[in-house]
C-alpha atoms as a PDB file:
ATOM      1  CA  MET A   1     116.120  64.704  57.661  1.00  0.00           C
ATOM      2  CA  LEU A   2     114.267  62.249  55.436  1.00  0.00           C
ATOM      3  CA  TYR A   3     111.629  64.868  54.574  1.00  0.00           C
ATOM      4  CA  VAL A   4     114.317  67.356  53.545  1.00  0.00           C
ATOM      5  CA  LEU A   5     115.917  64.742  51.279  1.00  0.00           C
ATOM      6  CA  ILE A   6     112.547  63.877  49.727  1.00  0.00           C
ATOM      7  CA  PHE A   7     111.807  67.582  49.204  1.00  0.00           C
ATOM      8  CA  CYS A   8     115.181  68.103  47.471  1.00  0.00           C
ATOM      9  CA  LEU A   9     114.660  65.048  45.242  1.00  0.00           C
ATOM     10  CA  ILE A  10     111.204  66.305  44.221  1.00  0.00           C
ATOM     11  CA  GLN A  11     112.747  69.658  43.299  1.00  0.00           C
ATOM     12  CA  LEU A  12     115.553  68.012  41.351  1.00  0.00           C
ATOM     13  CA  PHE A  13     113.359  65.658  39.316  1.00  0.00           C
ATOM     14  CA  CYS A  14     110.478  68.049  38.671  1.00  0.00           C
ATOM     15  CA  ASN A  15     112.633  71.010  37.721  1.00  0.00           C
ATOM     16  CA  THR A  16     114.832  68.848  35.494  1.00  0.00           C
ATOM     17  CA  GLY A  17     111.733  67.355  33.861  1.00  0.00           C
ATOM     18  CA  ALA A  18     110.190  70.782  33.325  1.00  0.00           C
ATOM     19  CA  THR A  19     113.408  72.043  31.739  1.00  0.00           C
ATOM     20  CA  ILE A  20     113.549  69.051  29.393  1.00  0.00           C
ATOM     21  CA  ILE A  21     109.916  69.587  28.401  1.00  0.00           C
ATOM     22  CA  GLU A  22     110.522  73.303  27.843  1.00  0.00           C
ATOM     23  CA  ARG A  23     113.513  72.605  25.583  1.00  0.00           C
ATOM     24  CA  ALA A  24     111.508  69.991  23.665  1.00  0.00           C
ATOM     25  CA  ALA A  25     108.675  72.519  23.230  1.00  0.00           C
ATOM     26  CA  LEU A  26     111.183  74.989  21.790  1.00  0.00           C
ATOM     27  CA  GLN A  27     112.105  72.312  19.236  1.00  0.00           C
ATOM     28  CA  ASN A  28     108.403  72.119  18.244  1.00  0.00           C
ATOM     29  CA  ILE A  29     107.893  68.580  19.498  1.00  0.00           C
ATOM     30  CA  PRO A  30     104.070  68.472  19.789  1.00  0.00           C
ATOM     31  CA  LEU A  31     103.972  66.021  22.680  1.00  0.00           C
ATOM     32  CA  PHE A  32     105.716  68.560  24.902  1.00  0.00           C
ATOM     33  CA  SER A  33     103.710  71.741  24.451  1.00  0.00           C
ATOM     34  CA  SER A  34     103.441  72.771  28.103  1.00  0.00           C
ATOM     35  CA  ASN A  35     105.346  72.063  31.304  1.00  0.00           C
ATOM     36  CA  TYR A  36     102.824  73.639  33.695  1.00  0.00           C
ATOM     37  CA  TRP A  37     101.591  70.232  34.795  1.00  0.00           C
ATOM     38  CA  VAL A  38     105.121  69.372  36.010  1.00  0.00           C
ATOM     39  CA  TYR A  39     105.189  72.519  38.130  1.00  0.00           C
ATOM     40  CA  LYS A  40     101.726  71.658  39.488  1.00  0.00           C
ATOM     41  CA  LEU A  41     103.011  68.203  40.410  1.00  0.00           C
ATOM     42  CA  ASN A  42     106.113  69.798  41.962  1.00  0.00           C
ATOM     43  CA  SER A  43     104.124  72.281  44.000  1.00  0.00           C
ATOM     44  CA  THR A  44     101.622  69.688  45.238  1.00  0.00           C
ATOM     45  CA  ALA A  45     104.261  67.099  46.152  1.00  0.00           C
ATOM     46  CA  SER A  46     106.436  69.722  47.845  1.00  0.00           C
ATOM     47  CA  PHE A  47     103.461  71.052  49.771  1.00  0.00           C
ATOM     48  CA  LEU A  48     102.573  67.556  51.026  1.00  0.00           C
ATOM     49  CA  VAL A  49     106.155  66.917  52.155  1.00  0.00           C
ATOM     50  CA  ILE A  50     106.189  70.221  54.052  1.00  0.00           C
ATOM     51  CA  VAL A  51     102.841  69.421  55.695  1.00  0.00           C
ATOM     52  CA  PHE A  52     104.080  66.002  56.813  1.00  0.00           C
ATOM     53  CA  LEU A  53     107.270  67.618  58.106  1.00  0.00           C
ATOM     54  CA  PHE A  54     105.174  69.993  60.214  1.00  0.00           C
ATOM     55  CA  GLU A  55     103.130  67.045  61.428  1.00  0.00           C
ATOM     56  CA  ARG A  56     106.353  65.574  62.828  1.00  0.00           C
ATOM     57  CA  LEU A  57     107.601  68.874  64.273  1.00  0.00           C
ATOM     58  CA  ILE A  58     104.432  70.161  65.916  1.00  0.00           C
ATOM     59  CA  PRO A  59     102.398  68.196  68.438  1.00  0.00           C
ATOM     60  CA  PHE A  60      98.954  69.086  67.107  1.00  0.00           C
ATOM     61  CA  LYS A  61      96.263  68.926  69.741  1.00  0.00           C
ATOM     62  CA  SER A  62      93.590  69.897  67.273  1.00  0.00           C
ATOM     63  CA  LYS A  63      92.674  68.706  63.836  1.00  0.00           C
ATOM     64  CA  ALA A  64      93.805  72.001  62.223  1.00  0.00           C
ATOM     65  CA  LEU A  65      96.521  70.382  60.115  1.00  0.00           C
ATOM     66  CA  TYR A  66      94.133  67.804  58.722  1.00  0.00           C
ATOM     67  CA  ILE A  67      91.504  70.460  58.017  1.00  0.00           C
ATOM     68  CA  PHE A  68      94.120  72.478  56.087  1.00  0.00           C
ATOM     69  CA  LEU A  69      95.152  69.366  54.178  1.00  0.00           C
ATOM     70  CA  LEU A  70      91.555  68.461  53.344  1.00  0.00           C
ATOM     71  CA  LEU A  71      90.864  72.051  52.234  1.00  0.00           C
ATOM     72  CA  TYR A  72      93.867  71.955  49.949  1.00  0.00           C
ATOM     73  CA  ILE A  73      92.961  68.575  48.445  1.00  0.00           C
ATOM     74  CA  VAL A  74      89.350  69.572  47.768  1.00  0.00           C
ATOM     75  CA  THR A  75      90.422  72.898  46.243  1.00  0.00           C
ATOM     76  CA  SER A  76      93.063  71.221  44.072  1.00  0.00           C
ATOM     77  CA  ILE A  77      90.606  68.624  42.789  1.00  0.00           C
ATOM     78  CA  LEU A  78      88.029  71.285  41.939  1.00  0.00           C
ATOM     79  CA  LEU A  79      90.643  73.380  40.155  1.00  0.00           C
ATOM     80  CA  LEU A  80      91.997  70.377  38.237  1.00  0.00           C
ATOM     81  CA  ILE A  81      88.478  69.487  37.093  1.00  0.00           C
ATOM     82  CA  ASN A  82      88.273  73.035  35.771  1.00  0.00           C
ATOM     83  CA  GLY A  83      91.602  72.502  33.968  1.00  0.00           C
ATOM     84  CA  ASP A  84      93.582  75.001  36.023  1.00  0.00           C
ATOM     85  CA  GLY A  85      97.239  74.245  36.601  1.00  0.00           C
ATOM     86  CA  ILE A  86      97.538  71.890  33.654  1.00  0.00           C
ATOM     87  CA  SER A  87      97.844  74.265  30.714  1.00  0.00           C
ATOM     88  CA  GLN A  88      98.381  77.537  32.598  1.00  0.00           C
ATOM     89  CA  PHE A  89      99.690  78.695  35.961  1.00  0.00           C
ATOM     90  CA  ASN A  90      97.104  78.544  38.727  1.00  0.00           C
ATOM     91  CA  SER A  91      97.550  81.251  41.314  1.00  0.00           C
ATOM     92  CA  ILE A  92      94.651  80.050  43.501  1.00  0.00           C
ATOM     93  CA  SER A  93      96.313  76.804  44.560  1.00  0.00           C
ATOM     94  CA  ALA A  94      99.710  78.520  44.885  1.00  0.00           C
ATOM     95  CA  ALA A  95      98.186  81.170  47.135  1.00  0.00           C
ATOM     96  CA  LEU A  96      96.414  78.511  49.211  1.00  0.00           C
ATOM     97  CA  GLU A  97      99.639  76.526  49.596  1.00  0.00           C
ATOM     98  CA  SER A  98     101.496  79.658  50.676  1.00  0.00           C
ATOM     99  CA  LEU A  99      98.790  80.644  53.139  1.00  0.00           C
ATOM    100  CA  ILE A 100      98.752  77.204  54.749  1.00  0.00           C
ATOM    101  CA  ILE A 101     102.556  77.014  54.982  1.00  0.00           C
ATOM    102  CA  VAL A 102     102.785  80.490  56.524  1.00  0.00           C
ATOM    103  CA  SER A 103     100.011  79.546  58.982  1.00  0.00           C
ATOM    104  CA  LEU A 104     101.892  76.392  59.973  1.00  0.00           C
ATOM    105  CA  CYS A 105     105.119  78.376  60.422  1.00  0.00           C
ATOM    106  CA  LEU A 106     103.338  80.880  62.660  1.00  0.00           C
ATOM    107  CA  TYR A 107     101.763  78.083  64.668  1.00  0.00           C
ATOM    108  CA  PHE A 108     105.152  76.387  65.039  1.00  0.00           C
ATOM    109  CA  PHE A 109     106.743  79.655  66.182  1.00  0.00           C
ATOM    110  CA  ILE A 110     103.976  80.392  68.689  1.00  0.00           C
ATOM    111  CA  GLN A 111     104.087  76.845  70.086  1.00  0.00           C
ATOM    112  CA  ASN A 112     107.859  77.043  70.597  1.00  0.00           C
ATOM    113  CA  LEU A 113     107.555  80.474  72.148  1.00  0.00           C
ATOM    114  CA  LEU A 114     104.882  79.295  74.582  1.00  0.00           C
ATOM    115  CA  ILE A 115     106.951  76.268  75.568  1.00  0.00           C
ATOM    116  CA  ARG A 116     109.961  78.494  76.287  1.00  0.00           C
ATOM    117  CA  LEU A 117     107.844  80.922  78.295  1.00  0.00           C
ATOM    118  CA  LYS A 118     106.535  78.104  80.497  1.00  0.00           C
ATOM    119  CA  LYS A 119     110.078  77.086  81.452  1.00  0.00           C
END
């Protein structure tokens, strides 16, 4: 329940902040020229909350979750060094996040299915 609350708060604050920045950019305030970095922060924070939620839900016997997390962190750092996701939308990190989340959902489903079949 705590992870869901944290996820909702991240969405609320990041989306509100991005909207404020977008409206300021429309008013030609030079400090607020782009809100992509807020969405990058939103997507990264949301992804981490979802990963930690899965860590609580799934009894991982392998290090797969941590390998996924490390892969995401390394990829994000390399993309940020390149400047992606700060001034324009970065589809590479979004695709990686989606792939990892879908993989975790499939793993969760298969684990629950196997547990039910053993009963």
